[in-house]
Amino acid sequence: MRRIEVIVIGQVQGVWFRKYTQEKARELGITGWIRNESDGTVTLVAEGNDTLLIKLTKWLEIRSPNANVDTLNVNWGDSKEKLNSFEVIK
């Protein structure tokens, strides 16, 4: 199991980005969480195998219909937690 920590920069708040990402992560069987940050970015932590995490990061580049992703800062590491689902943190 691997882990990615992603900072998503762009127009990604107020456009259902977190919900669409949650749906995609669950479809892929990835666990983790996603939340809005006060600076307008979105933070995502996801765990799964390399292939699935790569699929998710490529999907993030395509984005939800109304979002505009400028930059993805992706940090890879080993799994740290036992996450059971993929949740939107409010």
PDB file of N, CA and C in Angstrom:
ATOM      1  N   MET A   1       0.835  -1.187   0.000  1.00  0.00           N
ATOM      2  CA  MET A   1       0.000   0.000   0.000  1.00  0.00           C
ATOM      3  C   MET A   1       0.875   1.245   0.000  1.00  0.00           C
ATOM      4  N   ARG A   2       0.430   2.222  -0.760  1.00  0.00           N
ATOM      5  CA  ARG A   2       1.141   3.491  -0.856  1.00  0.00           C
ATOM      6  C   ARG A   2       0.199   4.617  -0.459  1.00  0.00           C
ATOM      7  N   ARG A   3       0.771   5.792  -0.298  1.00  0.00           N
ATOM      8  CA  ARG A   3       0.016   6.961   0.134  1.00  0.00           C
ATOM      9  C   ARG A   3       0.459   8.159  -0.702  1.00  0.00           C
ATOM     10  N   ILE A   4      -0.515   8.967  -1.084  1.00  0.00           N
ATOM     11  CA  ILE A   4      -0.194  10.247  -1.697  1.00  0.00           C
ATOM     12  C   ILE A   4      -0.832  11.349  -0.866  1.00  0.00           C
ATOM     13  N   GLU A   5      -0.090  12.443  -0.755  1.00  0.00           N
ATOM     14  CA  GLU A   5      -0.620  13.657  -0.146  1.00  0.00           C
ATOM     15  C   GLU A   5      -0.560  14.711  -1.248  1.00  0.00           C
ATOM     16  N   VAL A   6      -1.714  15.286  -1.568  1.00  0.00           N
ATOM     17  CA  VAL A   6      -1.822  16.177  -2.722  1.00  0.00           C
ATOM     18  C   VAL A   6      -2.374  17.528  -2.282  1.00  0.00           C
ATOM     19  N   ILE A   7      -1.741  18.589  -2.768  1.00  0.00           N
ATOM     20  CA  ILE A   7      -2.288  19.932  -2.647  1.00  0.00           C
ATOM     21  C   ILE A   7      -2.757  20.313  -4.048  1.00  0.00           C
ATOM     22  N   VAL A   8      -4.028  20.643  -4.172  1.00  0.00           N
ATOM     23  CA  VAL A   8      -4.617  21.010  -5.456  1.00  0.00           C
ATOM     24  C   VAL A   8      -4.798  22.528  -5.470  1.00  0.00           C
ATOM     25  N   ILE A   9      -4.191  23.166  -6.457  1.00  0.00           N
ATOM     26  CA  ILE A   9      -4.231  24.623  -6.571  1.00  0.00           C
ATOM     27  C   ILE A   9      -5.017  24.997  -7.821  1.00  0.00           C
ATOM     28  N   GLY A  10      -5.903  25.955  -7.670  1.00  0.00           N
ATOM     29  CA  GLY A  10      -6.713  26.436  -8.785  1.00  0.00           C
ATOM     30  C   GLY A  10      -8.092  26.821  -8.295  1.00  0.00           C
ATOM     31  N   GLN A  11      -9.045  26.859  -9.209  1.00  0.00           N
ATOM     32  CA  GLN A  11     -10.444  27.124  -8.839  1.00  0.00           C
ATOM     33  C   GLN A  11     -11.068  25.778  -8.486  1.00  0.00           C
ATOM     34  N   VAL A  12     -10.915  25.389  -7.210  1.00  0.00           N
ATOM     35  CA  VAL A  12     -11.339  24.050  -6.790  1.00  0.00           C
ATOM     36  C   VAL A  12     -12.261  24.068  -5.574  1.00  0.00           C
ATOM     37  N   GLN A  13     -12.651  25.245  -5.130  1.00  0.00           N
ATOM     38  CA  GLN A  13     -13.609  25.332  -4.034  1.00  0.00           C
ATOM     39  C   GLN A  13     -14.904  25.921  -4.560  1.00  0.00           C
ATOM     40  N   GLY A  14     -16.019  25.422  -4.026  1.00  0.00           N
ATOM     41  CA  GLY A  14     -17.327  25.909  -4.440  1.00  0.00           C
ATOM     42  C   GLY A  14     -17.785  25.377  -5.782  1.00  0.00           C
ATOM     43  N   VAL A  15     -17.131  24.310  -6.273  1.00  0.00           N
ATOM     44  CA  VAL A  15     -17.464  23.752  -7.589  1.00  0.00           C
ATOM     45  C   VAL A  15     -17.665  22.231  -7.521  1.00  0.00           C
ATOM     46  N   TRP A  16     -17.928  21.722  -6.334  1.00  0.00           N
ATOM     47  CA  TRP A  16     -18.180  20.285  -6.111  1.00  0.00           C
ATOM     48  C   TRP A  16     -16.950  19.416  -6.363  1.00  0.00           C
ATOM     49  N   PHE A  17     -15.763  19.996  -6.336  1.00  0.00           N
ATOM     50  CA  PHE A  17     -14.533  19.244  -6.588  1.00  0.00           C
ATOM     51  C   PHE A  17     -14.354  18.106  -5.588  1.00  0.00           C
ATOM     52  N   ARG A  18     -14.583  18.382  -4.305  1.00  0.00           N
ATOM     53  CA  ARG A  18     -14.401  17.346  -3.284  1.00  0.00           C
ATOM     54  C   ARG A  18     -15.366  16.189  -3.493  1.00  0.00           C
ATOM     55  N   LYS A  19     -16.610  16.482  -3.807  1.00  0.00           N
ATOM     56  CA  LYS A  19     -17.618  15.431  -3.998  1.00  0.00           C
ATOM     57  C   LYS A  19     -17.290  14.567  -5.207  1.00  0.00           C
ATOM     58  N   TYR A  20     -16.929  15.196  -6.330  1.00  0.00           N
ATOM     59  CA  TYR A  20     -16.565  14.426  -7.518  1.00  0.00           C
ATOM     60  C   TYR A  20     -15.322  13.569  -7.260  1.00  0.00           C
ATOM     61  N   THR A  21     -14.374  14.120  -6.524  1.00  0.00           N
ATOM     62  CA  THR A  21     -13.164  13.368  -6.204  1.00  0.00           C
ATOM     63  C   THR A  21     -13.481  12.193  -5.292  1.00  0.00           C
ATOM     64  N   GLN A  22     -14.350  12.404  -4.321  1.00  0.00           N
ATOM     65  CA  GLN A  22     -14.777  11.313  -3.438  1.00  0.00           C
ATOM     66  C   GLN A  22     -15.412  10.188  -4.252  1.00  0.00           C
ATOM     67  N   GLU A  23     -16.287  10.543  -5.162  1.00  0.00           N
ATOM     68  CA  GLU A  23     -16.942   9.527  -5.996  1.00  0.00           C
ATOM     69  C   GLU A  23     -15.923   8.740  -6.809  1.00  0.00           C
ATOM     70  N   LYS A  24     -14.939   9.427  -7.393  1.00  0.00           N
ATOM     71  CA  LYS A  24     -13.920   8.745  -8.200  1.00  0.00           C
ATOM     72  C   LYS A  24     -13.051   7.851  -7.333  1.00  0.00           C
ATOM     73  N   ALA A  25     -12.635   8.353  -6.161  1.00  0.00           N
ATOM     74  CA  ALA A  25     -11.802   7.545  -5.264  1.00  0.00           C
ATOM     75  C   ALA A  25     -12.541   6.287  -4.825  1.00  0.00           C
ATOM     76  N   ARG A  26     -13.805   6.420  -4.482  1.00  0.00           N
ATOM     77  CA  ARG A  26     -14.590   5.250  -4.072  1.00  0.00           C
ATOM     78  C   ARG A  26     -14.749   4.269  -5.228  1.00  0.00           C
ATOM     79  N   GLU A  27     -14.958   4.790  -6.434  1.00  0.00           N
ATOM     80  CA  GLU A  27     -15.053   3.934  -7.620  1.00  0.00           C
ATOM     81  C   GLU A  27     -13.774   3.120  -7.810  1.00  0.00           C
ATOM     82  N   LEU A  28     -12.630   3.740  -7.534  1.00  0.00           N
ATOM     83  CA  LEU A  28     -11.334   3.062  -7.686  1.00  0.00           C
ATOM     84  C   LEU A  28     -10.976   2.178  -6.496  1.00  0.00           C
ATOM     85  N   GLY A  29     -11.721   2.292  -5.393  1.00  0.00           N
ATOM     86  CA  GLY A  29     -11.408   1.508  -4.199  1.00  0.00           C
ATOM     87  C   GLY A  29     -10.290   2.106  -3.370  1.00  0.00           C
ATOM     88  N   ILE A  30     -10.093   3.414  -3.495  1.00  0.00           N
ATOM     89  CA  ILE A  30      -9.052   4.125  -2.756  1.00  0.00           C
ATOM     90  C   ILE A  30      -9.646   4.671  -1.464  1.00  0.00           C
ATOM     91  N   THR A  31      -8.871   4.629  -0.388  1.00  0.00           N
ATOM     92  CA  THR A  31      -9.305   5.197   0.878  1.00  0.00           C
ATOM     93  C   THR A  31      -8.583   6.509   1.135  1.00  0.00           C
ATOM     94  N   GLY A  32      -9.153   7.337   2.019  1.00  0.00           N
ATOM     95  CA  GLY A  32      -8.506   8.592   2.361  1.00  0.00           C
ATOM     96  C   GLY A  32      -9.502   9.670   2.694  1.00  0.00           C
ATOM     97  N   TRP A  33      -9.094  10.905   2.435  1.00  0.00           N
ATOM     98  CA  TRP A  33      -9.963  12.049   2.720  1.00  0.00           C
ATOM     99  C   TRP A  33      -9.561  13.244   1.871  1.00  0.00           C
ATOM    100  N   ILE A  34     -10.472  14.224   1.799  1.00  0.00           N
ATOM    101  CA  ILE A  34     -10.241  15.453   1.051  1.00  0.00           C
ATOM    102  C   ILE A  34     -10.896  16.599   1.812  1.00  0.00           C
ATOM    103  N   ARG A  35     -10.231  17.770   1.823  1.00  0.00           N
ATOM    104  CA  ARG A  35     -10.806  18.918   2.531  1.00  0.00           C
ATOM    105  C   ARG A  35     -10.365  20.233   1.874  1.00  0.00           C
ATOM    106  N   ASN A  36     -11.214  21.250   2.030  1.00  0.00           N
ATOM    107  CA  ASN A  36     -10.879  22.610   1.616  1.00  0.00           C
ATOM    108  C   ASN A  36      -9.940  23.227   2.639  1.00  0.00           C
ATOM    109  N   GLU A  37      -9.032  24.067   2.165  1.00  0.00           N
ATOM    110  CA  GLU A  37      -8.140  24.813   3.044  1.00  0.00           C
ATOM    111  C   GLU A  37      -8.506  26.298   2.985  1.00  0.00           C
ATOM    112  N   SER A  38      -8.129  27.029   4.006  1.00  0.00           N
ATOM    113  CA  SER A  38      -8.485  28.444   4.100  1.00  0.00           C
ATOM    114  C   SER A  38      -7.826  29.306   3.022  1.00  0.00           C
ATOM    115  N   ASP A  39      -6.756  28.812   2.406  1.00  0.00           N
ATOM    116  CA  ASP A  39      -6.069  29.579   1.361  1.00  0.00           C
ATOM    117  C   ASP A  39      -6.634  29.338  -0.040  1.00  0.00           C
ATOM    118  N   GLY A  40      -7.731  28.572  -0.138  1.00  0.00           N
ATOM    119  CA  GLY A  40      -8.368  28.315  -1.426  1.00  0.00           C
ATOM    120  C   GLY A  40      -7.925  27.036  -2.110  1.00  0.00           C
ATOM    121  N   THR A  41      -6.942  26.354  -1.538  1.00  0.00           N
ATOM    122  CA  THR A  41      -6.503  25.071  -2.096  1.00  0.00           C
ATOM    123  C   THR A  41      -7.343  23.939  -1.509  1.00  0.00           C
ATOM    124  N   VAL A  42      -7.122  22.748  -2.019  1.00  0.00           N
ATOM    125  CA  VAL A  42      -7.738  21.538  -1.496  1.00  0.00           C
ATOM    126  C   VAL A  42      -6.622  20.557  -1.163  1.00  0.00           C
ATOM    127  N   THR A  43      -6.723  19.919   0.001  1.00  0.00           N
ATOM    128  CA  THR A  43      -5.773  18.886   0.408  1.00  0.00           C
ATOM    129  C   THR A  43      -6.448  17.525   0.281  1.00  0.00           C
ATOM    130  N   LEU A  44      -5.689  16.571  -0.244  1.00  0.00           N
ATOM    131  CA  LEU A  44      -6.176  15.214  -0.449  1.00  0.00           C
ATOM    132  C   LEU A  44      -5.131  14.246   0.088  1.00  0.00           C
ATOM    133  N   VAL A  45      -5.568  13.270   0.851  1.00  0.00           N
ATOM    134  CA  VAL A  45      -4.722  12.159   1.283  1.00  0.00           C
ATOM    135  C   VAL A  45      -5.408  10.893   0.805  1.00  0.00           C
ATOM    136  N   ALA A  46      -4.671  10.051   0.100  1.00  0.00           N
ATOM    137  CA  ALA A  46      -5.257   8.829  -0.445  1.00  0.00           C
ATOM    138  C   ALA A  46      -4.284   7.675  -0.294  1.00  0.00           C
ATOM    139  N   GLU A  47      -4.844   6.495  -0.047  1.00  0.00           N
ATOM    140  CA  GLU A  47      -4.042   5.287   0.073  1.00  0.00           C
ATOM    141  C   GLU A  47      -4.612   4.188  -0.818  1.00  0.00           C
ATOM    142  N   GLY A  48      -3.704   3.440  -1.425  1.00  0.00           N
ATOM    143  CA  GLY A  48      -4.072   2.352  -2.316  1.00  0.00           C
ATOM    144  C   GLY A  48      -2.814   1.853  -3.003  1.00  0.00           C
ATOM    145  N   ASN A  49      -2.989   1.033  -4.033  1.00  0.00           N
ATOM    146  CA  ASN A  49      -1.794   0.581  -4.752  1.00  0.00           C
ATOM    147  C   ASN A  49      -1.368   1.651  -5.768  1.00  0.00           C
ATOM    148  N   ASP A  50      -0.144   1.554  -6.229  1.00  0.00           N
ATOM    149  CA  ASP A  50       0.419   2.565  -7.123  1.00  0.00           C
ATOM    150  C   ASP A  50      -0.447   2.807  -8.351  1.00  0.00           C
ATOM    151  N   THR A  51      -0.915   1.741  -8.984  1.00  0.00           N
ATOM    152  CA  THR A  51      -1.705   1.866 -10.208  1.00  0.00           C
ATOM    153  C   THR A  51      -2.963   2.685  -9.976  1.00  0.00           C
ATOM    154  N   LEU A  52      -3.668   2.405  -8.883  1.00  0.00           N
ATOM    155  CA  LEU A  52      -4.900   3.130  -8.589  1.00  0.00           C
ATOM    156  C   LEU A  52      -4.630   4.583  -8.218  1.00  0.00           C
ATOM    157  N   LEU A  53      -3.564   4.823  -7.477  1.00  0.00           N
ATOM    158  CA  LEU A  53      -3.234   6.195  -7.102  1.00  0.00           C
ATOM    159  C   LEU A  53      -2.820   7.018  -8.318  1.00  0.00           C
ATOM    160  N   ILE A  54      -2.120   6.405  -9.258  1.00  0.00           N
ATOM    161  CA  ILE A  54      -1.773   7.099 -10.501  1.00  0.00           C
ATOM    162  C   ILE A  54      -3.034   7.435 -11.283  1.00  0.00           C
ATOM    163  N   LYS A  55      -3.983   6.493 -11.332  1.00  0.00           N
ATOM    164  CA  LYS A  55      -5.257   6.765 -12.008  1.00  0.00           C
ATOM    165  C   LYS A  55      -5.961   7.951 -11.363  1.00  0.00           C
ATOM    166  N   LEU A  56      -5.956   8.001 -10.036  1.00  0.00           N
ATOM    167  CA  LEU A  56      -6.612   9.107  -9.345  1.00  0.00           C
ATOM    168  C   LEU A  56      -5.916  10.435  -9.661  1.00  0.00           C
ATOM    169  N   THR A  57      -4.594  10.466  -9.632  1.00  0.00           N
ATOM    170  CA  THR A  57      -3.901  11.730  -9.906  1.00  0.00           C
ATOM    171  C   THR A  57      -4.138  12.184 -11.347  1.00  0.00           C
ATOM    172  N   LYS A  58      -4.193  11.263 -12.283  1.00  0.00           N
ATOM    173  CA  LYS A  58      -4.502  11.639 -13.667  1.00  0.00           C
ATOM    174  C   LYS A  58      -5.924  12.178 -13.762  1.00  0.00           C
ATOM    175  N   TRP A  59      -6.848  11.553 -13.025  1.00  0.00           N
ATOM    176  CA  TRP A  59      -8.227  12.043 -13.011  1.00  0.00           C
ATOM    177  C   TRP A  59      -8.294  13.444 -12.417  1.00  0.00           C
ATOM    178  N   LEU A  60      -7.518  13.704 -11.366  1.00  0.00           N
ATOM    179  CA  LEU A  60      -7.513  15.034 -10.754  1.00  0.00           C
ATOM    180  C   LEU A  60      -7.125  16.106 -11.768  1.00  0.00           C
ATOM    181  N   GLU A  61      -6.253  15.763 -12.694  1.00  0.00           N
ATOM    182  CA  GLU A  61      -5.848  16.709 -13.728  1.00  0.00           C
ATOM    183  C   GLU A  61      -7.007  17.024 -14.671  1.00  0.00           C
ATOM    184  N   ILE A  62      -7.859  16.035 -14.919  1.00  0.00           N
ATOM    185  CA  ILE A  62      -9.040  16.229 -15.778  1.00  0.00           C
ATOM    186  C   ILE A  62     -10.084  17.028 -15.009  1.00  0.00           C
ATOM    187  N   ARG A  63     -10.245  16.706 -13.716  1.00  0.00           N
ATOM    188  CA  ARG A  63     -11.056  17.423 -12.737  1.00  0.00           C
ATOM    189  C   ARG A  63     -12.561  17.260 -12.923  1.00  0.00           C
ATOM    190  N   SER A  64     -13.235  17.801 -11.941  1.00  0.00           N
ATOM    191  CA  SER A  64     -14.688  17.842 -11.986  1.00  0.00           C
ATOM    192  C   SER A  64     -15.116  18.915 -12.997  1.00  0.00           C
ATOM    193  N   PRO A  65     -16.354  18.868 -13.458  1.00  0.00           N
ATOM    194  CA  PRO A  65     -16.781  19.720 -14.578  1.00  0.00           C
ATOM    195  C   PRO A  65     -16.541  21.225 -14.420  1.00  0.00           C
ATOM    196  N   ASN A  66     -16.716  21.785 -13.233  1.00  0.00           N
ATOM    197  CA  ASN A  66     -16.616  23.233 -13.071  1.00  0.00           C
ATOM    198  C   ASN A  66     -15.300  23.693 -12.449  1.00  0.00           C
ATOM    199  N   ALA A  67     -14.439  22.770 -12.089  1.00  0.00           N
ATOM    200  CA  ALA A  67     -13.169  23.131 -11.463  1.00  0.00           C
ATOM    201  C   ALA A  67     -12.131  23.498 -12.519  1.00  0.00           C
ATOM    202  N   ASN A  68     -11.110  24.210 -12.074  1.00  0.00           N
ATOM    203  CA  ASN A  68      -9.986  24.546 -12.944  1.00  0.00           C
ATOM    204  C   ASN A  68      -8.704  24.317 -12.141  1.00  0.00           C
ATOM    205  N   VAL A  69      -8.081  23.171 -12.350  1.00  0.00           N
ATOM    206  CA  VAL A  69      -6.871  22.808 -11.616  1.00  0.00           C
ATOM    207  C   VAL A  69      -5.666  23.414 -12.320  1.00  0.00           C
ATOM    208  N   ASP A  70      -4.924  24.247 -11.583  1.00  0.00           N
ATOM    209  CA  ASP A  70      -3.702  24.836 -12.128  1.00  0.00           C
ATOM    210  C   ASP A  70      -2.486  23.970 -11.834  1.00  0.00           C
ATOM    211  N   THR A  71      -2.388  23.478 -10.588  1.00  0.00           N
ATOM    212  CA  THR A  71      -1.213  22.734 -10.149  1.00  0.00           C
ATOM    213  C   THR A  71      -1.618  21.633  -9.193  1.00  0.00           C
ATOM    214  N   LEU A  72      -0.951  20.478  -9.317  1.00  0.00           N
ATOM    215  CA  LEU A  72      -1.057  19.392  -8.337  1.00  0.00           C
ATOM    216  C   LEU A  72       0.320  19.198  -7.725  1.00  0.00           C
ATOM    217  N   ASN A  73       0.427  19.371  -6.435  1.00  0.00           N
ATOM    218  CA  ASN A  73       1.661  19.045  -5.722  1.00  0.00           C
ATOM    219  C   ASN A  73       1.442  17.688  -5.066  1.00  0.00           C
ATOM    220  N   VAL A  74       2.089  16.658  -5.609  1.00  0.00           N
ATOM    221  CA  VAL A  74       1.878  15.287  -5.156  1.00  0.00           C
ATOM    222  C   VAL A  74       3.128  14.776  -4.453  1.00  0.00           C
ATOM    223  N   ASN A  75       2.955  14.307  -3.228  1.00  0.00           N
ATOM    224  CA  ASN A  75       4.042  13.681  -2.466  1.00  0.00           C
ATOM    225  C   ASN A  75       3.682  12.225  -2.218  1.00  0.00           C
ATOM    226  N   TRP A  76       4.587  11.328  -2.599  1.00  0.00           N
ATOM    227  CA  TRP A  76       4.384   9.887  -2.450  1.00  0.00           C
ATOM    228  C   TRP A  76       5.078   9.385  -1.187  1.00  0.00           C
ATOM    229  N   GLY A  77       4.474   8.388  -0.574  1.00  0.00           N
ATOM    230  CA  GLY A  77       5.083   7.753   0.580  1.00  0.00           C
ATOM    231  C   GLY A  77       4.431   6.410   0.841  1.00  0.00           C
ATOM    232  N   ASP A  78       4.841   5.785   1.915  1.00  0.00           N
ATOM    233  CA  ASP A  78       4.244   4.519   2.322  1.00  0.00           C
ATOM    234  C   ASP A  78       2.973   4.795   3.114  1.00  0.00           C
ATOM    235  N   SER A  79       2.082   3.838   3.094  1.00  0.00           N
ATOM    236  CA  SER A  79       0.826   3.952   3.837  1.00  0.00           C
ATOM    237  C   SER A  79       1.119   4.191   5.308  1.00  0.00           C
ATOM    238  N   LYS A  80       0.377   5.120   5.932  1.00  0.00           N
ATOM    239  CA  LYS A  80       0.586   5.439   7.334  1.00  0.00           C
ATOM    240  C   LYS A  80      -0.583   5.039   8.218  1.00  0.00           C
ATOM    241  N   GLU A  81      -1.771   4.999   7.648  1.00  0.00           N
ATOM    242  CA  GLU A  81      -2.974   4.788   8.436  1.00  0.00           C
ATOM    243  C   GLU A  81      -3.776   3.636   7.857  1.00  0.00           C
ATOM    244  N   LYS A  82      -4.659   3.121   8.668  1.00  0.00           N
ATOM    245  CA  LYS A  82      -5.620   2.145   8.176  1.00  0.00           C
ATOM    246  C   LYS A  82      -6.922   2.893   7.947  1.00  0.00           C
ATOM    247  N   LEU A  83      -7.112   3.355   6.731  1.00  0.00           N
ATOM    248  CA  LEU A  83      -8.308   4.115   6.379  1.00  0.00           C
ATOM    249  C   LEU A  83      -9.340   3.158   5.788  1.00  0.00           C
ATOM    250  N   ASN A  84     -10.600   3.343   6.164  1.00  0.00           N
ATOM    251  CA  ASN A  84     -11.640   2.405   5.746  1.00  0.00           C
ATOM    252  C   ASN A  84     -12.482   2.880   4.578  1.00  0.00           C
ATOM    253  N   SER A  85     -12.464   4.184   4.299  1.00  0.00           N
ATOM    254  CA  SER A  85     -13.288   4.725   3.220  1.00  0.00           C
ATOM    255  C   SER A  85     -12.624   6.017   2.723  1.00  0.00           C
ATOM    256  N   PHE A  86     -13.292   6.688   1.814  1.00  0.00           N
ATOM    257  CA  PHE A  86     -12.808   7.976   1.339  1.00  0.00           C
ATOM    258  C   PHE A  86     -13.864   9.015   1.694  1.00  0.00           C
ATOM    259  N   GLU A  87     -13.467   9.984   2.533  1.00  0.00           N
ATOM    260  CA  GLU A  87     -14.429  10.922   3.089  1.00  0.00           C
ATOM    261  C   GLU A  87     -14.100  12.367   2.732  1.00  0.00           C
ATOM    262  N   VAL A  88     -15.151  13.171   2.635  1.00  0.00           N
ATOM    263  CA  VAL A  88     -15.017  14.618   2.513  1.00  0.00           C
ATOM    264  C   VAL A  88     -15.026  15.172   3.924  1.00  0.00           C
ATOM    265  N   ILE A  89     -13.987  15.910   4.274  1.00  0.00           N
ATOM    266  CA  ILE A  89     -13.903  16.549   5.587  1.00  0.00           C
ATOM    267  C   ILE A  89     -14.404  17.969   5.432  1.00  0.00           C
ATOM    268  N   LYS A  90     -15.319  18.335   6.263  1.00  0.00           N
ATOM    269  CA  LYS A  90     -15.922  19.696   6.185  1.00  0.00           C
ATOM    270  C   LYS A  90     -15.117  20.679   6.970  1.00  0.00           C
TER     271      LYS A  90
END
